[in-house]
Protein backbone atom coordinates (compact mmCIF):
# COMPACT_ATOMS: atom_id res chain seq x y z
CA UNK A 1 97.17 114.56 118.46
CA UNK A 2 96.99 111.84 115.81
CA UNK A 3 99.55 109.05 115.59
CA UNK A 4 97.84 106.72 113.13
CA UNK A 5 96.72 107.88 109.68
CA UNK A 6 94.41 105.42 107.96
CA UNK A 7 94.63 106.18 104.25
CA UNK A 8 92.15 104.97 101.68
CA UNK A 9 94.00 104.17 98.47
CA UNK A 10 91.70 104.38 95.42
CA UNK A 11 90.38 107.89 94.89
CA UNK A 12 92.46 109.30 97.74
CA UNK A 13 96.14 108.46 97.25
CA UNK A 14 95.72 107.10 93.73
CA UNK A 15 93.56 108.53 90.95
CA UNK A 16 91.37 105.51 90.34
CA UNK A 17 89.37 107.13 87.52
CA UNK A 18 92.54 107.81 85.53
CA UNK A 19 93.85 104.26 86.03
CA UNK A 20 90.43 102.84 85.25
CA UNK A 21 90.32 104.63 81.88
CA UNK A 22 93.78 103.40 80.88
CA UNK A 23 93.06 99.81 81.94
CA UNK A 24 89.66 99.57 80.24
CA UNK A 25 90.86 101.10 76.99
CA UNK A 26 93.84 98.75 76.89
CA UNK A 27 91.53 95.78 77.37
CA UNK A 28 89.04 96.98 74.78
CA UNK A 29 91.89 96.65 72.30
CA UNK A 30 92.88 93.22 73.60
CA UNK A 31 89.32 91.90 73.35
CA UNK A 32 88.57 93.65 70.05
CA UNK A 33 85.62 95.52 71.51
CA UNK A 34 86.18 98.67 69.48
CA UNK A 35 86.70 102.18 70.84
CA UNK A 36 85.82 102.95 74.44
CA UNK A 37 84.62 106.56 74.39
CA UNK A 38 84.65 109.06 77.24
CA UNK A 39 80.87 108.67 77.46
CA UNK A 40 81.22 104.92 77.82
CA UNK A 41 83.84 105.34 80.55
CA UNK A 42 81.55 107.73 82.40
CA UNK A 43 78.71 105.20 82.19
CA UNK A 44 81.00 102.44 83.41
CA UNK A 45 82.11 104.54 86.38
CA UNK A 46 78.48 105.09 87.38
CA UNK A 47 77.72 101.38 87.05
CA UNK A 48 80.87 100.51 88.99
CA UNK A 49 79.97 102.90 91.83
CA UNK A 50 76.52 101.37 92.04
CA UNK A 51 77.92 97.86 92.38
CA UNK A 52 80.47 98.82 95.04
CA UNK A 53 77.68 100.39 97.09
CA UNK A 54 75.75 97.13 96.74
CA UNK A 55 78.82 95.37 98.15
CA UNK A 56 79.08 97.85 101.03
CA UNK A 57 75.46 97.09 101.92
CA UNK A 58 76.23 93.38 101.91
CA UNK A 59 73.69 92.60 99.19
CA UNK A 60 76.13 90.80 96.87
CA UNK A 61 79.52 89.14 97.20
CA UNK A 62 82.66 90.72 95.80
CA UNK A 63 82.99 88.14 92.95
CA UNK A 64 79.38 88.87 91.99
CA UNK A 65 79.80 92.63 91.81
CA UNK A 66 83.15 92.48 90.00
CA UNK A 67 81.73 90.50 87.08
CA UNK A 68 78.24 91.94 87.34
CA UNK A 69 79.40 95.50 86.66
CA UNK A 70 81.01 94.46 83.37
CA UNK A 71 78.01 92.36 82.35
CA UNK A 72 75.73 95.35 82.80
CA UNK A 73 78.19 97.68 81.06
CA UNK A 74 78.66 95.36 78.07
CA UNK A 75 74.92 94.71 77.78
CA UNK A 76 74.21 98.45 77.66
CA UNK A 77 76.49 98.82 74.63
CA UNK A 78 75.54 95.52 72.96
CA UNK A 79 78.98 94.04 73.52
CA UNK A 80 79.73 90.36 74.13
CA UNK A 81 78.59 89.79 77.71
CA UNK A 82 80.18 86.33 77.78
CA UNK A 83 83.68 87.84 78.01
CA UNK A 84 82.86 89.69 81.26
CA UNK A 85 84.50 87.14 83.61
CA UNK A 86 87.76 86.99 81.63
CA UNK A 87 87.72 90.75 81.07
CA UNK A 88 87.38 91.30 84.81
CA UNK A 89 90.31 89.01 85.61
CA UNK A 90 92.55 90.84 83.16
CA UNK A 91 91.25 94.16 84.45
CA UNK A 92 92.51 93.45 87.97
CA UNK A 93 96.01 92.86 86.63
CA UNK A 94 95.89 95.84 84.28
CA UNK A 95 94.86 98.21 87.08
CA UNK A 96 98.01 97.23 88.93
CA UNK A 97 100.12 98.16 85.92
CA UNK A 98 98.94 101.75 85.56
CA UNK A 99 98.63 103.56 88.91
CA UNK A 100 98.30 107.36 88.80
CA UNK A 101 98.82 109.51 91.90
CA UNK A 102 96.30 112.11 93.00
CA UNK A 103 97.62 115.66 93.04
CA UNK A 104 99.94 116.31 96.03
CA UNK A 105 99.53 112.75 97.35
CA UNK A 106 103.21 111.89 97.12
CA UNK A 107 104.44 115.03 98.83
CA UNK A 108 101.87 114.73 101.63
CA UNK A 109 102.82 111.13 102.30
CA UNK A 110 106.51 112.08 102.22
CA UNK A 111 105.85 114.85 104.76
CA UNK A 112 104.02 112.41 107.04
CA UNK A 113 106.47 109.52 106.70
CA UNK A 114 108.26 108.87 109.97
CA UNK A 115 106.05 111.28 111.94
CA UNK A 116 102.92 109.13 111.85
CA UNK A 117 102.16 105.49 111.17
CA UNK A 118 100.77 105.37 107.64
CA UNK A 119 98.20 102.62 107.24
CA UNK A 120 96.52 101.77 103.94
CA UNK A 121 92.88 100.66 104.25
CA UNK A 122 91.25 99.41 101.07
CA UNK A 123 88.30 97.47 99.71
CA UNK A 124 90.04 97.08 96.35
CA UNK A 125 90.73 93.60 95.04
CA UNK A 126 93.92 92.00 96.28
CA UNK A 127 95.32 91.36 92.79
CA UNK A 128 94.86 94.99 91.75
CA UNK A 129 96.04 96.47 95.04
CA UNK A 130 99.21 94.38 95.32
CA UNK A 131 100.09 95.41 91.77
CA UNK A 132 99.39 99.09 92.40
CA UNK A 133 101.37 99.13 95.64
CA UNK A 134 104.42 97.64 93.98
CA UNK A 135 104.26 99.60 90.72
CA UNK A 136 103.65 102.93 92.47
CA UNK A 137 106.19 102.35 95.23
CA UNK A 138 103.54 102.73 97.91
CA UNK A 139 104.63 99.39 99.35
CA UNK A 140 107.74 101.23 100.57
CA UNK A 141 105.88 104.34 101.75
CA UNK A 142 102.96 102.89 103.70
CA UNK A 143 103.86 101.17 106.95
CA UNK A 144 101.04 98.64 106.61
CA UNK A 145 98.16 97.89 104.24
CA UNK A 146 94.93 96.09 105.07
CA UNK A 147 93.09 94.70 102.04
CA UNK A 148 89.50 93.75 102.79
CA UNK A 149 89.85 90.39 101.03
CA UNK A 150 92.52 89.44 103.56
CA UNK A 151 90.57 90.89 106.47
CA UNK A 152 87.43 89.00 105.47
CA UNK A 153 85.09 91.99 105.69
CA UNK A 154 84.74 95.33 103.90
CA UNK A 155 84.72 98.92 105.03
CA UNK A 156 82.47 100.41 106.47
CA UNK A 157 81.90 97.40 108.74
CA UNK A 158 83.09 97.80 112.31
CA UNK A 159 84.75 94.38 112.10
CA UNK A 160 87.14 95.70 109.47
CA UNK A 161 88.37 98.45 111.77
CA UNK A 162 88.52 96.11 114.75
CA UNK A 163 90.90 93.93 112.74
CA UNK A 164 93.11 96.88 111.79
CA UNK A 165 93.25 98.29 115.31
CA UNK A 166 93.98 94.88 116.83
CA UNK A 167 96.83 94.15 114.42
CA UNK A 168 98.25 97.67 114.79
CA UNK A 169 97.87 97.46 118.59
CA UNK A 170 96.10 100.83 118.64
CA UNK A 171 94.60 101.30 122.08
CA UNK A 172 93.25 104.85 121.77
CA UNK A 173 90.74 105.71 119.06
CA UNK A 174 91.51 109.40 119.64
CA UNK A 175 94.96 108.84 118.10
CA UNK A 176 93.60 107.65 114.74
CA UNK A 177 91.98 109.33 111.77
CA UNK A 178 90.77 107.91 108.46
CA UNK A 179 91.29 109.93 105.27
CA UNK A 180 89.23 108.90 102.27
CA UNK A 181 87.05 109.99 99.38
CA UNK A 182 84.08 107.68 99.97
CA UNK A 183 81.36 108.85 102.32
CA UNK A 184 79.71 105.43 102.40
CA UNK A 185 82.89 103.39 102.86
CA UNK A 186 85.66 105.46 104.48
CA UNK A 187 83.79 108.15 106.35
CA UNK A 188 80.83 106.02 107.41
CA UNK A 189 83.29 103.36 108.49
CA UNK A 190 85.14 105.85 110.65
CA UNK A 191 81.86 107.07 112.12
CA UNK A 192 80.74 103.51 112.82
CA UNK A 193 83.97 102.76 114.67
CA UNK A 194 84.16 106.08 116.48
CA UNK A 195 87.32 107.63 115.06
CA UNK A 196 88.00 111.00 113.45
CA UNK A 197 87.33 111.27 109.74
CA UNK A 198 88.61 113.45 106.91
CA UNK A 199 86.54 113.46 103.75
CA UNK A 200 88.70 114.13 100.69
CA UNK A 201 86.29 115.83 98.32
CA UNK A 202 88.24 117.42 95.44
CA UNK A 203 85.18 117.60 93.17
CA UNK A 204 83.04 119.30 95.80
CA UNK A 205 80.33 116.66 95.78
CA UNK A 206 77.27 117.27 97.92
CA UNK A 207 76.99 115.19 101.07
CA UNK A 208 73.53 113.97 100.09
CA UNK A 209 73.61 111.14 102.64
CA UNK A 210 74.37 113.60 105.44
CA UNK A 211 77.24 111.45 106.71
CA UNK A 212 78.95 113.37 109.50
CA UNK A 213 82.67 113.91 108.98
CA UNK A 214 85.15 115.55 111.32
CA UNK A 215 86.95 117.40 108.52
CA UNK A 216 86.48 117.99 104.81
CA UNK A 217 89.28 118.96 102.40
CA UNK A 218 89.42 119.48 98.66
CA UNK A 219 93.22 119.29 98.44
CA UNK A 220 95.42 116.70 100.14
CA UNK A 221 97.85 119.44 101.18
CA UNK A 222 95.17 120.63 103.60
CA UNK A 223 95.45 117.32 105.45
CA UNK A 224 98.80 118.51 106.80
CA UNK A 225 97.06 121.48 108.43
CA UNK A 226 94.83 119.12 110.41
CA UNK A 227 97.59 117.00 111.91
């Protein structure tokens, strides 16, 4: 049925929230910003999500959202906003140093390796993603990875998928499926391009945007049942 599995990386294969917490807390120490509490991390995650959605809508550039999220976060807690650009640069590197796999991700990828073409599709920054791929060993598991900075456009834009399909020489959309945790990026992107979608929703979030997905799973092991 499917020959090409398009895998989102952050939040699907890798536990971005876990890596995010490690990276930010490490950098709070480096920049002498005090203790970063769980509440602060939760606030940052909300701010970060908001800025990535702004990027997906094309309302800001990636450099603007990357620094802007930390400026807003620091301002909320009366921290030195002027360090936001440097903090962000270090953050990209730090994320690459501390990847954490989602539950069952490694065994699912191992089960699929050789049977399907495993293609990473990510809007994450190139610095962070290259680091994560190498540190986690995903560079040896995935057959190809398409980072939006290299492509020149982000998911969910059709142009992103056109680039991937052209480079992969995929001629039949029916042979491809995208697996990802983001309704607005991964699933909407798949819908826009006309391919099957699998929404990975381990926290059982409500589909408030009513984005249509072909499948929904709360455990990556269930992906194997769909293939």
